């Protein structure tokens, strides 16, 4: 076990900004994408089931409303092209 009272040599010291973080960035971007698209999927499913099983509801209006919410959600959540 390392001695906590031993000061590291200068060549062993951590240099700010020198660590490779590509994997962490990729993981964070994947987490963000799954959260974004998963939330849209849950919202569409909840809407579908709510409209389908409400009094005087039906499958066709439920499917139409879920498709509309999915399309609008996709439009707003999609990746926008970078500004020049």
N, C-alpha and C. Protein backbone atom coordinates (compact mmCIF):
# COMPACT_ATOMS: atom_id res chain seq x y z
N UNK A 1 0.84 -1.17 0.00
CA UNK A 1 0.00 0.00 0.00
C UNK A 1 0.89 1.24 0.00
N UNK A 2 0.46 2.25 -0.71
CA UNK A 2 1.25 3.47 -0.82
C UNK A 2 1.25 4.23 0.49
N UNK A 3 2.35 4.85 0.75
CA UNK A 3 2.48 5.66 1.97
C UNK A 3 1.82 7.01 1.72
N UNK A 4 0.73 7.37 2.45
CA UNK A 4 0.05 8.65 2.20
C UNK A 4 0.88 9.86 2.58
N UNK A 5 1.95 9.64 3.36
CA UNK A 5 2.76 10.77 3.80
C UNK A 5 3.96 10.98 2.88
N UNK A 6 4.14 10.11 1.91
CA UNK A 6 5.26 10.22 0.99
C UNK A 6 4.89 11.19 -0.13
N UNK A 7 5.66 12.21 -0.31
CA UNK A 7 5.41 13.18 -1.38
C UNK A 7 5.87 12.59 -2.70
N UNK A 8 5.04 12.70 -3.75
CA UNK A 8 5.45 12.16 -5.05
C UNK A 8 6.60 12.97 -5.65
N UNK A 9 7.39 12.28 -6.43
CA UNK A 9 8.48 12.97 -7.13
C UNK A 9 7.88 13.90 -8.18
N UNK A 10 8.63 14.88 -8.61
CA UNK A 10 8.12 15.85 -9.57
C UNK A 10 7.67 15.19 -10.87
N UNK A 11 8.38 14.15 -11.32
CA UNK A 11 8.02 13.50 -12.58
C UNK A 11 6.75 12.65 -12.43
N UNK A 12 6.34 12.31 -11.19
CA UNK A 12 5.13 11.53 -10.95
C UNK A 12 3.91 12.42 -10.70
N UNK A 13 4.11 13.71 -10.56
CA UNK A 13 3.01 14.61 -10.21
C UNK A 13 2.03 14.73 -11.38
N UNK A 14 0.79 14.87 -11.03
CA UNK A 14 -0.27 15.01 -12.05
C UNK A 14 -0.19 16.39 -12.68
N UNK A 15 -0.24 16.42 -13.99
CA UNK A 15 -0.26 17.66 -14.73
C UNK A 15 -1.68 17.92 -15.21
N UNK A 16 -2.27 19.01 -14.82
CA UNK A 16 -3.66 19.34 -15.19
C UNK A 16 -3.81 19.36 -16.71
N UNK A 17 -4.82 18.63 -17.19
CA UNK A 17 -5.10 18.60 -18.61
C UNK A 17 -4.33 17.56 -19.40
N UNK A 18 -3.56 16.71 -18.72
CA UNK A 18 -2.75 15.74 -19.44
C UNK A 18 -3.41 14.36 -19.54
N UNK A 19 -4.52 14.16 -18.87
CA UNK A 19 -5.17 12.85 -18.87
C UNK A 19 -6.01 12.66 -20.13
N UNK A 20 -5.98 11.46 -20.71
CA UNK A 20 -6.81 11.13 -21.86
C UNK A 20 -8.25 10.93 -21.38
N UNK A 21 -9.20 11.68 -21.96
CA UNK A 21 -10.58 11.59 -21.49
C UNK A 21 -11.56 11.24 -22.60
N UNK A 22 -11.07 10.70 -23.71
CA UNK A 22 -11.96 10.39 -24.82
C UNK A 22 -13.03 9.37 -24.43
N UNK A 23 -12.64 8.35 -23.65
CA UNK A 23 -13.62 7.35 -23.24
C UNK A 23 -14.67 7.94 -22.31
N UNK A 24 -14.26 8.81 -21.41
CA UNK A 24 -15.23 9.45 -20.52
C UNK A 24 -16.18 10.34 -21.31
N UNK A 25 -15.65 11.06 -22.29
CA UNK A 25 -16.50 11.91 -23.12
C UNK A 25 -17.50 11.07 -23.91
N UNK A 26 -17.04 9.95 -24.46
CA UNK A 26 -17.93 9.07 -25.22
C UNK A 26 -19.01 8.48 -24.32
N UNK A 27 -18.64 8.10 -23.11
CA UNK A 27 -19.62 7.56 -22.17
C UNK A 27 -20.66 8.61 -21.80
N UNK A 28 -20.21 9.83 -21.55
CA UNK A 28 -21.14 10.91 -21.20
C UNK A 28 -22.08 11.23 -22.35
N UNK A 29 -21.56 11.26 -23.57
CA UNK A 29 -22.40 11.53 -24.74
C UNK A 29 -23.42 10.41 -24.95
N UNK A 30 -23.02 9.15 -24.72
CA UNK A 30 -23.95 8.03 -24.83
C UNK A 30 -25.03 8.13 -23.76
N UNK A 31 -24.64 8.45 -22.54
CA UNK A 31 -25.61 8.62 -21.45
C UNK A 31 -26.61 9.72 -21.79
N UNK A 32 -26.13 10.83 -22.30
CA UNK A 32 -27.03 11.92 -22.68
C UNK A 32 -27.99 11.53 -23.78
N UNK A 33 -27.49 10.83 -24.79
CA UNK A 33 -28.35 10.40 -25.90
C UNK A 33 -29.39 9.40 -25.43
N UNK A 34 -28.98 8.43 -24.61
CA UNK A 34 -29.95 7.44 -24.12
C UNK A 34 -31.00 8.09 -23.22
N UNK A 35 -30.60 9.05 -22.43
CA UNK A 35 -31.55 9.76 -21.58
C UNK A 35 -32.54 10.55 -22.43
N UNK A 36 -32.04 11.25 -23.41
CA UNK A 36 -32.87 12.08 -24.28
C UNK A 36 -33.88 11.24 -25.04
N UNK A 37 -33.41 10.25 -25.76
CA UNK A 37 -34.30 9.43 -26.59
C UNK A 37 -35.15 8.49 -25.75
N UNK A 38 -34.63 8.02 -24.64
CA UNK A 38 -35.42 7.18 -23.74
C UNK A 38 -36.58 7.94 -23.12
N UNK A 39 -36.35 9.20 -22.77
CA UNK A 39 -37.42 10.04 -22.23
C UNK A 39 -38.52 10.27 -23.26
N UNK A 40 -38.13 10.48 -24.50
CA UNK A 40 -39.13 10.64 -25.56
C UNK A 40 -39.94 9.36 -25.75
N UNK A 41 -39.27 8.21 -25.73
CA UNK A 41 -39.97 6.93 -25.88
C UNK A 41 -40.95 6.69 -24.74
N UNK A 42 -40.53 6.98 -23.51
CA UNK A 42 -41.42 6.81 -22.36
C UNK A 42 -42.61 7.74 -22.46
N UNK A 43 -42.39 8.99 -22.87
CA UNK A 43 -43.50 9.94 -23.01
C UNK A 43 -44.49 9.47 -24.06
N UNK A 44 -44.00 8.96 -25.18
CA UNK A 44 -44.89 8.49 -26.25
C UNK A 44 -45.68 7.26 -25.79
N UNK A 45 -45.05 6.35 -25.08
CA UNK A 45 -45.74 5.15 -24.60
C UNK A 45 -46.79 5.51 -23.55
N UNK A 46 -46.44 6.40 -22.63
CA UNK A 46 -47.41 6.81 -21.60
C UNK A 46 -48.60 7.50 -22.26
N UNK A 47 -48.36 8.36 -23.24
CA UNK A 47 -49.45 9.02 -23.95
C UNK A 47 -50.31 8.00 -24.68
N UNK A 48 -49.69 7.06 -25.37
CA UNK A 48 -50.43 6.02 -26.09
C UNK A 48 -51.35 5.25 -25.14
N UNK A 49 -50.82 4.80 -24.03
CA UNK A 49 -51.63 4.02 -23.09
C UNK A 49 -52.71 4.86 -22.42
N UNK A 50 -52.41 6.11 -22.11
CA UNK A 50 -53.39 6.98 -21.47
C UNK A 50 -54.58 7.25 -22.38
N UNK A 51 -54.31 7.61 -23.62
CA UNK A 51 -55.40 7.91 -24.56
C UNK A 51 -56.15 6.63 -24.94
N UNK A 52 -55.44 5.53 -25.06
CA UNK A 52 -56.07 4.27 -25.45
C UNK A 52 -57.06 3.78 -24.40
N UNK A 53 -56.70 3.87 -23.12
CA UNK A 53 -57.54 3.31 -22.07
C UNK A 53 -58.39 4.34 -21.34
N UNK A 54 -58.42 5.59 -21.79
CA UNK A 54 -59.30 6.56 -21.15
C UNK A 54 -60.75 6.27 -21.59
N UNK A 55 -61.73 6.76 -20.83
CA UNK A 55 -63.12 6.56 -21.25
C UNK A 55 -63.35 7.20 -22.62
N UNK A 56 -64.01 6.49 -23.50
CA UNK A 56 -64.27 6.90 -24.88
C UNK A 56 -63.00 7.06 -25.69
N UNK A 57 -61.92 6.44 -25.26
CA UNK A 57 -60.67 6.47 -26.02
C UNK A 57 -60.63 5.30 -26.97
N UNK A 58 -59.59 5.21 -27.72
CA UNK A 58 -59.43 4.12 -28.65
C UNK A 58 -58.00 4.03 -29.12
N UNK A 59 -57.72 2.95 -29.84
CA UNK A 59 -56.35 2.74 -30.30
C UNK A 59 -55.93 3.74 -31.37
N UNK A 60 -56.83 4.04 -32.29
CA UNK A 60 -56.46 4.92 -33.41
C UNK A 60 -56.10 6.33 -32.92
N UNK A 61 -56.95 6.97 -32.08
CA UNK A 61 -56.51 8.30 -31.59
C UNK A 61 -55.25 8.23 -30.73
N UNK A 62 -55.09 7.13 -30.00
CA UNK A 62 -53.90 6.97 -29.18
C UNK A 62 -52.66 6.84 -30.05
N UNK A 63 -52.75 6.05 -31.11
CA UNK A 63 -51.61 5.88 -32.00
C UNK A 63 -51.27 7.18 -32.71
N UNK A 64 -52.29 7.90 -33.16
CA UNK A 64 -52.05 9.17 -33.84
C UNK A 64 -51.36 10.16 -32.91
N UNK A 65 -51.86 10.27 -31.68
CA UNK A 65 -51.25 11.22 -30.74
C UNK A 65 -49.83 10.82 -30.37
N UNK A 66 -49.57 9.52 -30.22
CA UNK A 66 -48.21 9.07 -29.90
C UNK A 66 -47.26 9.31 -31.07
N UNK A 67 -47.74 9.11 -32.29
CA UNK A 67 -46.90 9.36 -33.47
C UNK A 67 -46.59 10.85 -33.60
N UNK A 68 -47.59 11.69 -33.34
CA UNK A 68 -47.37 13.14 -33.43
C UNK A 68 -46.35 13.58 -32.38
N UNK A 69 -46.51 13.11 -31.14
CA UNK A 69 -45.56 13.48 -30.09
C UNK A 69 -44.16 12.97 -30.42
N UNK A 70 -44.07 11.76 -30.97
CA UNK A 70 -42.76 11.21 -31.35
C UNK A 70 -42.12 12.04 -32.45
N UNK A 71 -42.90 12.44 -33.44
CA UNK A 71 -42.35 13.23 -34.55
C UNK A 71 -41.90 14.61 -34.07
N UNK A 72 -42.72 15.27 -33.28
CA UNK A 72 -42.36 16.59 -32.76
C UNK A 72 -41.14 16.47 -31.83
N UNK A 73 -41.14 15.45 -30.99
CA UNK A 73 -40.00 15.24 -30.10
C UNK A 73 -38.73 14.97 -30.87
N UNK A 74 -38.81 14.14 -31.93
CA UNK A 74 -37.64 13.88 -32.76
C UNK A 74 -37.13 15.17 -33.39
N UNK A 75 -38.06 16.01 -33.86
CA UNK A 75 -37.67 17.27 -34.50
C UNK A 75 -36.88 18.16 -33.54
N UNK A 76 -37.35 18.26 -32.31
CA UNK A 76 -36.68 19.15 -31.35
C UNK A 76 -35.44 18.52 -30.72
N UNK A 77 -35.36 17.19 -30.62
CA UNK A 77 -34.24 16.55 -29.95
C UNK A 77 -33.12 16.11 -30.88
N UNK A 78 -33.34 16.17 -32.19
CA UNK A 78 -32.32 15.72 -33.13
C UNK A 78 -31.09 16.59 -33.02
N UNK A 79 -29.96 16.07 -33.50
CA UNK A 79 -28.72 16.82 -33.50
C UNK A 79 -28.78 17.88 -34.58
N UNK A 80 -28.56 19.10 -34.18
CA UNK A 80 -28.57 20.22 -35.13
C UNK A 80 -27.21 20.33 -35.79
N UNK A 81 -27.16 20.78 -37.05
CA UNK A 81 -25.85 21.00 -37.68
C UNK A 81 -25.12 22.14 -36.98
N UNK A 82 -23.83 22.03 -36.95
CA UNK A 82 -23.00 23.06 -36.29
C UNK A 82 -23.10 24.37 -37.06
N UNK A 83 -23.19 25.47 -36.33
CA UNK A 83 -23.23 26.79 -36.95
C UNK A 83 -21.85 27.15 -37.50
N UNK A 84 -21.83 27.84 -38.59
CA UNK A 84 -20.55 28.21 -39.20
C UNK A 84 -20.03 29.48 -38.62
